[in-house]
Amino acid sequence: MSNCLKIIFIAFFISACQTVPIQEASQVQPEATIDPILIPEAKAIDINQKTYEEAVEALKNNQIDFAIELLIQVTTSAPELEFAFTNLGLAYFKLEDFKQSEQIFQKAISTNIYDSVSYNHLGIIQRLHGDFANAKTSYEKAVSINNDYADAYLNLGILYDIYLQDLNPALKQYEKYQSLTNNENKLVKGWITDIQRQLKANKKKTKG
């Protein structure tokens, strides 16, 4: 598949994500997972915890404006609640308010340096802005934190493939993604075949 068609597919997927109901399972398509991060069970439920749970439920049900309203309350009164800023960033991301979501994801990372979801989404936003170097760093940080994070490997592969034009690492990331998703993504399988074909052709040219 040509890079042009890949870009069209990625753009279509980001658009489609805004109307697809949020699922608890990880998405298997590029470019981003926008599922809310579920809340760990709490020993004592206080008003902030209840509001947080309501916000996550609203986000799952695509009630984005209401979720944002509740999450702002929570991050203001109880910023220590795990993944509160991350979910707020995901809500703004879902609205395609990338400037706001980028600021929130940065805040999330400042409160939790192991927040792989925020790093992955920062990478997407940075890639959208043409900041490929920082996008690469963000994706690499995401997979270093969670080496089973399939979507981050896929996003890193897309970055190498389309934007950095570096086929060998792109192939490696795509293959890692496929290994984590039981090779279910036929589109990515086609990308792998295409890259292998290009690498083989390039090798023949070098020998010639």
N, C-alpha and C. Protein backbone atom coordinates (compact mmCIF):
# COMPACT_ATOMS: atom_id res chain seq x y z
N MET A 1 0.85 -1.19 0.00
CA MET A 1 0.00 0.00 0.00
C MET A 1 0.88 1.24 0.00
N SER A 2 0.50 2.23 -0.79
CA SER A 2 1.30 3.45 -0.86
C SER A 2 1.17 4.25 0.42
N ASN A 3 2.17 5.11 0.66
CA ASN A 3 2.12 5.96 1.85
C ASN A 3 0.93 6.89 1.81
N CYS A 4 0.55 7.33 0.62
CA CYS A 4 -0.61 8.22 0.48
C CYS A 4 -1.87 7.54 0.99
N LEU A 5 -2.05 6.27 0.60
CA LEU A 5 -3.23 5.54 1.04
C LEU A 5 -3.18 5.27 2.54
N LYS A 6 -1.98 5.03 3.07
CA LYS A 6 -1.85 4.82 4.51
C LYS A 6 -2.27 6.07 5.26
N ILE A 7 -1.85 7.23 4.79
CA ILE A 7 -2.20 8.50 5.44
C ILE A 7 -3.70 8.71 5.41
N ILE A 8 -4.33 8.40 4.26
CA ILE A 8 -5.79 8.52 4.15
C ILE A 8 -6.46 7.62 5.16
N PHE A 9 -5.94 6.38 5.30
CA PHE A 9 -6.53 5.44 6.26
C PHE A 9 -6.42 5.96 7.68
N ILE A 10 -5.24 6.47 8.05
CA ILE A 10 -5.02 6.98 9.40
C ILE A 10 -5.96 8.14 9.69
N ALA A 11 -6.10 9.06 8.73
CA ALA A 11 -6.99 10.21 8.90
C ALA A 11 -8.43 9.75 9.07
N PHE A 12 -8.82 8.74 8.28
CA PHE A 12 -10.18 8.22 8.39
C PHE A 12 -10.41 7.60 9.75
N PHE A 13 -9.38 6.87 10.26
CA PHE A 13 -9.56 6.21 11.54
C PHE A 13 -9.71 7.19 12.68
N ILE A 14 -8.90 8.25 12.68
CA ILE A 14 -9.01 9.26 13.74
C ILE A 14 -10.40 9.87 13.72
N SER A 15 -10.92 10.15 12.53
CA SER A 15 -12.26 10.70 12.40
C SER A 15 -13.31 9.72 12.88
N ALA A 16 -13.14 8.45 12.49
CA ALA A 16 -14.12 7.43 12.87
C ALA A 16 -14.15 7.20 14.37
N CYS A 17 -13.01 7.38 15.02
CA CYS A 17 -12.94 7.16 16.47
C CYS A 17 -13.90 8.07 17.22
N GLN A 18 -14.26 9.18 16.64
CA GLN A 18 -15.09 10.14 17.36
C GLN A 18 -16.54 9.68 17.46
N THR A 19 -16.94 8.68 16.64
CA THR A 19 -18.33 8.24 16.67
C THR A 19 -18.48 6.80 17.12
N VAL A 20 -17.39 6.04 17.16
CA VAL A 20 -17.47 4.65 17.58
C VAL A 20 -17.59 4.58 19.09
N PRO A 21 -18.52 3.77 19.64
CA PRO A 21 -18.64 3.65 21.09
C PRO A 21 -17.32 3.20 21.69
N ILE A 22 -16.97 3.76 22.84
CA ILE A 22 -15.72 3.42 23.51
C ILE A 22 -15.81 2.00 24.04
N GLN A 23 -14.80 1.19 23.78
CA GLN A 23 -14.74 -0.18 24.25
C GLN A 23 -13.67 -0.30 25.30
N GLU A 24 -13.80 -1.33 26.14
CA GLU A 24 -12.79 -1.52 27.18
C GLU A 24 -11.56 -2.23 26.63
N ALA A 25 -11.72 -2.99 25.55
CA ALA A 25 -10.57 -3.67 24.95
C ALA A 25 -9.77 -2.70 24.10
N SER A 26 -8.47 -2.99 23.99
CA SER A 26 -7.61 -2.13 23.19
C SER A 26 -8.00 -2.20 21.73
N GLN A 27 -8.01 -1.04 21.05
CA GLN A 27 -8.28 -1.00 19.62
C GLN A 27 -7.15 -1.70 18.89
N VAL A 28 -7.45 -2.27 17.71
CA VAL A 28 -6.43 -2.95 16.94
C VAL A 28 -6.15 -2.22 15.64
N GLN A 29 -6.61 -1.01 15.51
CA GLN A 29 -6.38 -0.23 14.31
C GLN A 29 -5.61 1.04 14.68
N PRO A 30 -4.84 1.59 13.72
CA PRO A 30 -4.21 2.86 14.00
C PRO A 30 -5.27 3.95 14.07
N GLU A 31 -5.12 5.01 14.78
CA GLU A 31 -3.84 5.46 15.25
C GLU A 31 -3.85 5.57 16.76
N ALA A 32 -5.02 5.55 17.40
CA ALA A 32 -5.01 5.81 18.83
C ALA A 32 -6.10 5.06 19.55
N THR A 33 -5.80 4.69 20.76
CA THR A 33 -6.82 4.19 21.66
C THR A 33 -7.36 5.36 22.45
N ILE A 34 -8.69 5.49 22.49
CA ILE A 34 -9.26 6.60 23.26
C ILE A 34 -10.16 6.08 24.36
N ASP A 35 -9.96 4.83 24.76
CA ASP A 35 -10.73 4.28 25.85
C ASP A 35 -10.39 4.99 27.15
N PRO A 36 -11.38 5.25 28.00
CA PRO A 36 -11.04 5.77 29.32
C PRO A 36 -10.29 4.74 30.12
N ILE A 37 -9.40 5.19 30.97
CA ILE A 37 -8.68 4.27 31.85
C ILE A 37 -9.54 4.01 33.07
N LEU A 38 -9.82 2.75 33.31
CA LEU A 38 -10.72 2.40 34.40
C LEU A 38 -10.05 2.67 35.74
N ILE A 39 -10.89 2.91 36.73
CA ILE A 39 -10.41 3.32 38.05
C ILE A 39 -10.11 2.10 38.91
N PRO A 40 -8.96 2.07 39.56
CA PRO A 40 -8.69 0.98 40.50
C PRO A 40 -9.71 1.00 41.63
N GLU A 41 -10.00 -0.18 42.17
CA GLU A 41 -10.95 -0.24 43.28
C GLU A 41 -10.39 0.54 44.47
N ALA A 42 -11.25 1.31 45.09
CA ALA A 42 -10.82 2.13 46.23
C ALA A 42 -11.32 1.50 47.52
N LYS A 43 -10.53 1.61 48.55
CA LYS A 43 -10.94 1.08 49.85
C LYS A 43 -12.06 1.93 50.44
N ALA A 44 -11.98 3.21 50.23
CA ALA A 44 -13.01 4.12 50.75
C ALA A 44 -13.46 5.03 49.62
N ILE A 45 -14.76 5.05 49.35
CA ILE A 45 -15.31 5.87 48.27
C ILE A 45 -15.74 7.21 48.85
N ASP A 46 -15.07 8.28 48.41
CA ASP A 46 -15.48 9.60 48.84
C ASP A 46 -16.17 10.30 47.68
N ILE A 47 -16.55 11.54 47.87
CA ILE A 47 -17.31 12.27 46.86
C ILE A 47 -16.50 12.43 45.57
N ASN A 48 -15.18 12.63 45.70
CA ASN A 48 -14.35 12.76 44.51
C ASN A 48 -14.27 11.46 43.73
N GLN A 49 -14.18 10.34 44.44
CA GLN A 49 -14.14 9.04 43.79
C GLN A 49 -15.46 8.78 43.05
N LYS A 50 -16.56 9.13 43.67
CA LYS A 50 -17.87 8.94 43.04
C LYS A 50 -17.99 9.80 41.78
N THR A 51 -17.53 11.03 41.88
CA THR A 51 -17.57 11.92 40.72
C THR A 51 -16.68 11.39 39.61
N TYR A 52 -15.54 10.87 40.00
CA TYR A 52 -14.61 10.31 39.03
C TYR A 52 -15.24 9.12 38.30
N GLU A 53 -15.86 8.24 39.05
CA GLU A 53 -16.52 7.08 38.44
C GLU A 53 -17.62 7.52 37.48
N GLU A 54 -18.35 8.54 37.86
CA GLU A 54 -19.40 9.07 36.99
C GLU A 54 -18.80 9.66 35.71
N ALA A 55 -17.65 10.31 35.87
CA ALA A 55 -16.97 10.92 34.71
C ALA A 55 -16.50 9.85 33.73
N VAL A 56 -15.92 8.78 34.26
CA VAL A 56 -15.44 7.69 33.41
C VAL A 56 -16.61 7.03 32.68
N GLU A 57 -17.70 6.85 33.38
CA GLU A 57 -18.89 6.26 32.75
C GLU A 57 -19.41 7.17 31.64
N ALA A 58 -19.39 8.47 31.89
CA ALA A 58 -19.84 9.43 30.87
C ALA A 58 -18.92 9.36 29.64
N LEU A 59 -17.62 9.23 29.89
CA LEU A 59 -16.66 9.15 28.79
C LEU A 59 -16.88 7.87 27.99
N LYS A 60 -17.14 6.78 28.67
CA LYS A 60 -17.43 5.51 27.98
C LYS A 60 -18.70 5.61 27.15
N ASN A 61 -19.66 6.40 27.59
CA ASN A 61 -20.94 6.54 26.90
C ASN A 61 -20.94 7.69 25.89
N ASN A 62 -19.75 8.23 25.63
CA ASN A 62 -19.59 9.29 24.63
C ASN A 62 -20.25 10.61 25.04
N GLN A 63 -20.45 10.81 26.34
CA GLN A 63 -20.97 12.08 26.84
C GLN A 63 -19.76 12.94 27.21
N ILE A 64 -19.09 13.42 26.18
CA ILE A 64 -17.77 14.00 26.37
C ILE A 64 -17.80 15.30 27.15
N ASP A 65 -18.71 16.20 26.81
CA ASP A 65 -18.76 17.49 27.51
C ASP A 65 -19.05 17.30 29.00
N PHE A 66 -19.96 16.39 29.30
CA PHE A 66 -20.29 16.11 30.70
C PHE A 66 -19.09 15.47 31.41
N ALA A 67 -18.41 14.56 30.72
CA ALA A 67 -17.22 13.92 31.30
C ALA A 67 -16.15 14.96 31.60
N ILE A 68 -15.94 15.90 30.69
CA ILE A 68 -14.94 16.95 30.90
C ILE A 68 -15.31 17.80 32.11
N GLU A 69 -16.58 18.16 32.22
CA GLU A 69 -17.03 18.97 33.36
C GLU A 69 -16.72 18.27 34.67
N LEU A 70 -17.02 16.97 34.74
CA LEU A 70 -16.77 16.21 35.97
C LEU A 70 -15.28 16.02 36.22
N LEU A 71 -14.53 15.75 35.17
CA LEU A 71 -13.09 15.51 35.33
C LEU A 71 -12.35 16.77 35.75
N ILE A 72 -12.82 17.92 35.30
CA ILE A 72 -12.22 19.18 35.75
C ILE A 72 -12.45 19.35 37.25
N GLN A 73 -13.66 19.00 37.71
CA GLN A 73 -13.94 19.06 39.15
C GLN A 73 -12.98 18.15 39.92
N VAL A 74 -12.82 16.94 39.40
CA VAL A 74 -11.99 15.95 40.09
C VAL A 74 -10.52 16.37 40.11
N THR A 75 -9.99 16.79 38.96
CA THR A 75 -8.57 17.16 38.91
C THR A 75 -8.28 18.42 39.71
N THR A 76 -9.31 19.21 39.96
CA THR A 76 -9.14 20.41 40.78
C THR A 76 -9.14 20.07 42.27
N SER A 77 -10.09 19.21 42.66
CA SER A 77 -10.26 18.92 44.09
C SER A 77 -9.47 17.70 44.55
N ALA A 78 -9.17 16.78 43.63
CA ALA A 78 -8.44 15.57 44.02
C ALA A 78 -7.49 15.15 42.90
N PRO A 79 -6.49 15.97 42.62
CA PRO A 79 -5.57 15.68 41.50
C PRO A 79 -4.76 14.41 41.69
N GLU A 80 -4.77 13.87 42.91
CA GLU A 80 -3.99 12.67 43.16
C GLU A 80 -4.69 11.41 42.66
N LEU A 81 -5.96 11.49 42.29
CA LEU A 81 -6.68 10.31 41.81
C LEU A 81 -6.02 9.78 40.53
N GLU A 82 -5.74 8.48 40.53
CA GLU A 82 -4.98 7.88 39.44
C GLU A 82 -5.69 8.01 38.09
N PHE A 83 -4.96 8.49 37.11
CA PHE A 83 -5.40 8.63 35.72
C PHE A 83 -6.50 9.68 35.51
N ALA A 84 -6.75 10.53 36.50
CA ALA A 84 -7.77 11.57 36.32
C ALA A 84 -7.37 12.52 35.19
N PHE A 85 -6.12 12.98 35.21
CA PHE A 85 -5.66 13.87 34.16
C PHE A 85 -5.60 13.15 32.81
N THR A 86 -5.22 11.88 32.84
CA THR A 86 -5.16 11.11 31.59
C THR A 86 -6.52 11.04 30.93
N ASN A 87 -7.54 10.72 31.71
CA ASN A 87 -8.88 10.64 31.15
C ASN A 87 -9.39 12.00 30.67
N LEU A 88 -9.01 13.06 31.36
CA LEU A 88 -9.38 14.40 30.91
C LEU A 88 -8.70 14.69 29.56
N GLY A 89 -7.43 14.30 29.45
CA GLY A 89 -6.73 14.47 28.18
C GLY A 89 -7.38 13.68 27.06
N LEU A 90 -7.82 12.44 27.38
CA LEU A 90 -8.49 11.61 26.38
C LEU A 90 -9.81 12.23 25.94
N ALA A 91 -10.50 12.87 26.87
CA ALA A 91 -11.78 13.52 26.52
C ALA A 91 -11.55 14.67 25.54
N TYR A 92 -10.56 15.51 25.83
CA TYR A 92 -10.26 16.61 24.91
C TYR A 92 -9.72 16.07 23.57
N PHE A 93 -8.96 14.99 23.63
CA PHE A 93 -8.46 14.37 22.41
C PHE A 93 -9.63 13.90 21.55
N LYS A 94 -10.62 13.33 22.17
CA LYS A 94 -11.79 12.84 21.45
C LYS A 94 -12.54 13.97 20.76
N LEU A 95 -12.48 15.16 21.35
CA LEU A 95 -13.10 16.35 20.75
C LEU A 95 -12.19 16.99 19.70
N GLU A 96 -11.00 16.41 19.52
CA GLU A 96 -9.99 16.94 18.60
C GLU A 96 -9.49 18.32 19.04
N ASP A 97 -9.58 18.58 20.34
CA ASP A 97 -8.99 19.79 20.90
C ASP A 97 -7.56 19.41 21.31
N PHE A 98 -6.68 19.34 20.32
CA PHE A 98 -5.35 18.80 20.55
C PHE A 98 -4.47 19.72 21.39
N LYS A 99 -4.70 21.02 21.29
CA LYS A 99 -3.91 21.95 22.11
C LYS A 99 -4.20 21.72 23.59
N GLN A 100 -5.48 21.61 23.93
CA GLN A 100 -5.85 21.40 25.32
C GLN A 100 -5.43 20.01 25.79
N SER A 101 -5.65 19.01 24.95
CA SER A 101 -5.31 17.65 25.36
C SER A 101 -3.80 17.49 25.55
N GLU A 102 -3.01 18.16 24.72
CA GLU A 102 -1.55 18.09 24.88
C GLU A 102 -1.14 18.65 26.23
N GLN A 103 -1.72 19.76 26.63
CA GLN A 103 -1.40 20.36 27.93
C GLN A 103 -1.78 19.42 29.07
N ILE A 104 -2.94 18.79 28.93
CA ILE A 104 -3.41 17.88 29.99
C ILE A 104 -2.54 16.63 30.05
N PHE A 105 -2.16 16.08 28.90
CA PHE A 105 -1.30 14.90 28.92
C PHE A 105 0.06 15.22 29.54
N GLN A 106 0.57 16.42 29.28
CA GLN A 106 1.83 16.83 29.92
C GLN A 106 1.67 16.88 31.43
N LYS A 107 0.53 17.39 31.87
CA LYS A 107 0.24 17.44 33.31
C LYS A 107 0.13 16.03 33.88
N ALA A 108 -0.52 15.13 33.12
CA ALA A 108 -0.66 13.75 33.57
C ALA A 108 0.70 13.10 33.77
N ILE A 109 1.61 13.34 32.85
CA ILE A 109 2.95 12.76 32.93
C ILE A 109 3.74 13.36 34.10
N SER A 110 3.49 14.63 34.37
CA SER A 110 4.19 15.26 35.49
C SER A 110 3.76 14.68 36.83
N THR A 111 2.55 14.13 36.88
CA THR A 111 2.05 13.52 38.12
C THR A 111 2.28 12.01 38.16
N ASN A 112 2.52 11.42 36.97
CA ASN A 112 2.76 9.97 36.90
C ASN A 112 3.69 9.71 35.72
N ILE A 113 4.96 9.54 35.99
CA ILE A 113 5.96 9.37 34.93
C ILE A 113 5.82 8.03 34.21
N TYR A 114 4.96 7.15 34.72
CA TYR A 114 4.76 5.84 34.10
C TYR A 114 3.45 5.78 33.31
N ASP A 115 2.95 6.92 32.91
CA ASP A 115 1.67 7.00 32.20
C ASP A 115 1.91 6.78 30.69
N SER A 116 1.90 5.52 30.28
CA SER A 116 2.19 5.20 28.88
C SER A 116 1.12 5.71 27.93
N VAL A 117 -0.13 5.75 28.39
CA VAL A 117 -1.22 6.21 27.54
C VAL A 117 -1.04 7.68 27.17
N SER A 118 -0.65 8.50 28.14
CA SER A 118 -0.43 9.92 27.86
C SER A 118 0.75 10.10 26.91
N TYR A 119 1.81 9.31 27.10
CA TYR A 119 2.95 9.41 26.19
C TYR A 119 2.55 9.05 24.76
N ASN A 120 1.75 7.99 24.62
CA ASN A 120 1.32 7.58 23.28
C ASN A 120 0.50 8.67 22.59
N HIS A 121 -0.41 9.27 23.33
CA HIS A 121 -1.26 10.30 22.73
C HIS A 121 -0.50 11.61 22.49
N LEU A 122 0.47 11.88 23.35
CA LEU A 122 1.35 13.02 23.08
C LEU A 122 2.08 12.81 21.74
N GLY A 123 2.52 11.57 21.53
CA GLY A 123 3.19 11.25 20.28
C GLY A 123 2.31 11.50 19.07
N ILE A 124 1.04 11.14 19.18
CA ILE A 124 0.11 11.37 18.08
C ILE A 124 -0.05 12.86 17.80
N ILE A 125 -0.21 13.63 18.86
CA ILE A 125 -0.38 15.08 18.70
C ILE A 125 0.88 15.70 18.11
N GLN A 126 2.02 15.29 18.61
CA GLN A 126 3.29 15.81 18.09
C GLN A 126 3.46 15.44 16.62
N ARG A 127 3.08 14.24 16.26
CA ARG A 127 3.15 13.82 14.86
C ARG A 127 2.21 14.67 14.00
N LEU A 128 1.02 14.97 14.50
CA LEU A 128 0.09 15.82 13.77
C LEU A 128 0.65 17.21 13.54
N HIS A 129 1.48 17.66 14.48
CA HIS A 129 2.11 18.99 14.37
C HIS A 129 3.40 18.96 13.56
N GLY A 130 3.77 17.79 13.07
CA GLY A 130 5.00 17.68 12.30
C GLY A 130 6.25 17.60 13.14
N ASP A 131 6.09 17.40 14.44
CA ASP A 131 7.22 17.31 15.36
C ASP A 131 7.62 15.84 15.49
N PHE A 132 8.25 15.30 14.45
CA PHE A 132 8.49 13.88 14.37
C PHE A 132 9.51 13.39 15.40
N ALA A 133 10.49 14.21 15.71
CA ALA A 133 11.51 13.80 16.67
C ALA A 133 10.90 13.57 18.05
N ASN A 134 10.08 14.51 18.50
CA ASN A 134 9.45 14.35 19.81
C ASN A 134 8.38 13.28 19.79
N ALA A 135 7.71 13.11 18.66
CA ALA A 135 6.73 12.04 18.54
C ALA A 135 7.41 10.69 18.73
N LYS A 136 8.55 10.53 18.09
CA LYS A 136 9.31 9.28 18.22
C LYS A 136 9.70 9.05 19.68
N THR A 137 10.18 10.10 20.34
CA THR A 137 10.56 9.98 21.75
C THR A 137 9.37 9.58 22.61
N SER A 138 8.21 10.18 22.36
CA SER A 138 7.01 9.89 23.14
C SER A 138 6.55 8.45 22.94
N TYR A 139 6.52 7.99 21.70
CA TYR A 139 6.13 6.61 21.43
C TYR A 139 7.10 5.63 22.08
N GLU A 140 8.40 5.92 21.96
CA GLU A 140 9.40 5.04 22.55
C GLU A 140 9.27 5.00 24.07
N LYS A 141 8.92 6.13 24.66
CA LYS A 141 8.71 6.17 26.10
C LYS A 141 7.51 5.31 26.48
N ALA A 142 6.46 5.38 25.68
CA ALA A 142 5.25 4.60 25.95
C ALA A 142 5.54 3.10 25.95
N VAL A 143 6.29 2.62 24.96
CA VAL A 143 6.56 1.18 24.89
C VAL A 143 7.63 0.75 25.88
N SER A 144 8.48 1.69 26.31
CA SER A 144 9.45 1.34 27.33
C SER A 144 8.77 1.15 28.68
N ILE A 145 7.68 1.87 28.90
CA ILE A 145 6.90 1.73 30.14
C ILE A 145 6.05 0.48 30.09
N ASN A 146 5.43 0.26 28.94
CA ASN A 146 4.54 -0.89 28.76
C ASN A 146 4.91 -1.59 27.46
N ASN A 147 5.69 -2.65 27.55
CA ASN A 147 6.16 -3.31 26.33
C ASN A 147 5.12 -4.21 25.69
N ASP A 148 3.89 -4.18 26.21
CA ASP A 148 2.77 -4.87 25.58
C ASP A 148 1.78 -3.89 24.97
N TYR A 149 2.17 -2.65 24.84
CA TYR A 149 1.28 -1.58 24.37
C TYR A 149 1.25 -1.61 22.83
N ALA A 150 0.36 -2.42 22.29
CA ALA A 150 0.31 -2.67 20.85
C ALA A 150 0.13 -1.39 20.03
N ASP A 151 -0.80 -0.53 20.43
CA ASP A 151 -1.09 0.67 19.66
C ASP A 151 0.13 1.60 19.56
N ALA A 152 0.91 1.67 20.62
CA ALA A 152 2.09 2.53 20.59
C ALA A 152 3.13 1.99 19.62
N TYR A 153 3.29 0.66 19.57
CA TYR A 153 4.19 0.07 18.58
C TYR A 153 3.70 0.37 17.16
N LEU A 154 2.41 0.28 16.96
CA LEU A 154 1.86 0.56 15.64
C LEU A 154 2.08 2.01 15.24
N ASN A 155 1.83 2.92 16.17
CA ASN A 155 2.04 4.34 15.90
C ASN A 155 3.51 4.64 15.60
N LEU A 156 4.40 3.98 16.32
CA LEU A 156 5.82 4.16 16.07
C LEU A 156 6.20 3.63 14.69
N GLY A 157 5.60 2.50 14.31
CA GLY A 157 5.85 1.94 13.00
C GLY A 157 5.38 2.86 11.89
N ILE A 158 4.20 3.45 12.06
CA ILE A 158 3.67 4.40 11.08
C ILE A 158 4.58 5.61 10.96
N LEU A 159 5.08 6.08 12.09
CA LEU A 159 5.98 7.23 12.08
C LEU A 159 7.25 6.92 11.27
N TYR A 160 7.86 5.75 11.56
CA TYR A 160 9.06 5.36 10.83
C TYR A 160 8.76 5.16 9.33
N ASP A 161 7.66 4.52 9.05
CA ASP A 161 7.32 4.14 7.68
C ASP A 161 7.01 5.36 6.81
N ILE A 162 6.03 6.15 7.23
CA ILE A 162 5.51 7.22 6.38
C ILE A 162 6.27 8.52 6.53
N TYR A 163 6.60 8.87 7.76
CA TYR A 163 7.12 10.22 8.01
C TYR A 163 8.63 10.28 8.08
N LEU A 164 9.28 9.22 8.58
CA LEU A 164 10.73 9.21 8.65
C LEU A 164 11.36 8.42 7.52
N GLN A 165 10.54 7.69 6.78
CA GLN A 165 11.01 6.93 5.62
C GLN A 165 12.17 5.99 6.00
N ASP A 166 12.01 5.32 7.13
CA ASP A 166 13.04 4.41 7.63
C ASP A 166 12.40 3.03 7.75
N LEU A 167 12.60 2.20 6.72
CA LEU A 167 11.81 0.98 6.59
C LEU A 167 12.18 -0.12 7.58
N ASN A 168 13.45 -0.27 7.90
CA ASN A 168 13.84 -1.37 8.79
C ASN A 168 13.20 -1.25 10.18
N PRO A 169 13.31 -0.10 10.85
CA PRO A 169 12.64 0.00 12.14
C PRO A 169 11.11 -0.01 12.02
N ALA A 170 10.59 0.48 10.90
CA ALA A 170 9.14 0.43 10.69
C ALA A 170 8.68 -1.02 10.67
N LEU A 171 9.39 -1.85 9.94
CA LEU A 171 9.06 -3.28 9.86
C LEU A 171 9.10 -3.92 11.25
N LYS A 172 10.11 -3.58 12.02
CA LYS A 172 10.25 -4.15 13.36
C LYS A 172 9.06 -3.79 14.24
N GLN A 173 8.61 -2.53 14.16
CA GLN A 173 7.47 -2.09 15.00
C GLN A 173 6.17 -2.75 14.54
N TYR A 174 5.97 -2.84 13.23
CA TYR A 174 4.77 -3.50 12.72
C TYR A 174 4.72 -4.96 13.13
N GLU A 175 5.86 -5.62 13.06
CA GLU A 175 5.91 -7.04 13.43
C GLU A 175 5.64 -7.22 14.92
N LYS A 176 6.15 -6.29 15.74
CA LYS A 176 5.88 -6.36 17.18
C LYS A 176 4.39 -6.16 17.44
N TYR A 177 3.80 -5.20 16.74
CA TYR A 177 2.36 -4.96 16.88
C TYR A 177 1.58 -6.22 16.52
N GLN A 178 1.92 -6.83 15.40
CA GLN A 178 1.20 -8.03 14.97
C GLN A 178 1.36 -9.17 15.98
N SER A 179 2.54 -9.30 16.56
CA SER A 179 2.77 -10.37 17.55
C SER A 179 1.92 -10.17 18.79
N LEU A 180 1.62 -8.91 19.10
CA LEU A 180 0.81 -8.61 20.30
C LEU A 180 -0.69 -8.70 20.02
N THR A 181 -1.06 -8.75 18.75
CA THR A 181 -2.49 -8.76 18.39
C THR A 181 -2.85 -10.01 17.58
N ASN A 182 -2.04 -11.06 17.74
CA ASN A 182 -2.31 -12.34 17.08
C ASN A 182 -2.43 -12.24 15.56
N ASN A 183 -1.70 -11.30 14.98
CA ASN A 183 -1.68 -11.13 13.53
C ASN A 183 -3.07 -10.91 12.93
N GLU A 184 -3.95 -10.27 13.69
CA GLU A 184 -5.33 -10.13 13.25
C GLU A 184 -5.53 -8.98 12.26
N ASN A 185 -4.61 -8.03 12.24
CA ASN A 185 -4.80 -6.85 11.40
C ASN A 185 -4.26 -7.13 9.99
N LYS A 186 -5.18 -7.39 9.07
CA LYS A 186 -4.79 -7.74 7.70
C LYS A 186 -4.15 -6.55 6.99
N LEU A 187 -4.58 -5.35 7.35
CA LEU A 187 -4.02 -4.16 6.72
C LEU A 187 -2.54 -4.03 7.06
N VAL A 188 -2.22 -4.17 8.34
CA VAL A 188 -0.82 -4.08 8.77
C VAL A 188 -0.01 -5.24 8.18
N LYS A 189 -0.64 -6.39 8.05
CA LYS A 189 0.03 -7.52 7.40
C LYS A 189 0.44 -7.15 5.99
N GLY A 190 -0.43 -6.43 5.29
CA GLY A 190 -0.11 -5.97 3.94
C GLY A 190 1.03 -4.97 3.94
N TRP A 191 1.06 -4.10 4.96
CA TRP A 191 2.15 -3.12 5.06
C TRP A 191 3.49 -3.84 5.26
N ILE A 192 3.46 -4.88 6.08
CA ILE A 192 4.68 -5.65 6.33
C ILE A 192 5.18 -6.28 5.03
N THR A 193 4.27 -6.88 4.28
CA THR A 193 4.64 -7.49 3.01
C THR A 193 5.21 -6.45 2.05
N ASP A 194 4.60 -5.28 2.04
CA ASP A 194 5.06 -4.20 1.15
C ASP A 194 6.47 -3.75 1.53
N ILE A 195 6.73 -3.59 2.82
CA ILE A 195 8.07 -3.16 3.27
C ILE A 195 9.10 -4.23 2.96
N GLN A 196 8.75 -5.48 3.20
CA GLN A 196 9.69 -6.57 2.91
C GLN A 196 10.05 -6.58 1.43
N ARG A 197 9.07 -6.32 0.59
CA ARG A 197 9.30 -6.27 -0.85
C ARG A 197 10.24 -5.10 -1.20
N GLN A 198 10.00 -3.96 -0.57
CA GLN A 198 10.86 -2.79 -0.84
C GLN A 198 12.28 -3.03 -0.37
N LEU A 199 12.43 -3.61 0.80
CA LEU A 199 13.77 -3.87 1.34
C LEU A 199 14.52 -4.86 0.45
N LYS A 200 13.80 -5.86 -0.05
CA LYS A 200 14.42 -6.85 -0.92
C LYS A 200 14.88 -6.19 -2.24
N ALA A 201 14.03 -5.31 -2.77
CA ALA A 201 14.37 -4.59 -4.00
C ALA A 201 15.56 -3.68 -3.78
N ASN A 202 15.60 -3.00 -2.65
CA ASN A 202 16.71 -2.09 -2.34
C ASN A 202 18.02 -2.86 -2.19
N LYS A 203 17.93 -4.06 -1.62
CA LYS A 203 19.12 -4.89 -1.45
C LYS A 203 19.68 -5.33 -2.81
N LYS A 204 18.79 -5.67 -3.74
CA LYS A 204 19.22 -6.06 -5.07
C LYS A 204 19.90 -4.90 -5.80
N LYS A 205 19.34 -3.69 -5.63
CA LYS A 205 19.92 -2.51 -6.25
C LYS A 205 21.33 -2.25 -5.73
N THR A 206 21.48 -2.45 -4.41
CA THR A 206 22.79 -2.22 -3.78
C THR A 206 23.83 -3.20 -4.32
N LYS A 207 23.41 -4.46 -4.47
CA LYS A 207 24.32 -5.48 -4.99
C LYS A 207 24.65 -5.22 -6.46
N GLY A 208 23.64 -4.67 -7.19
CA GLY A 208 23.85 -4.42 -8.61
C GLY A 208 24.76 -3.23 -8.82
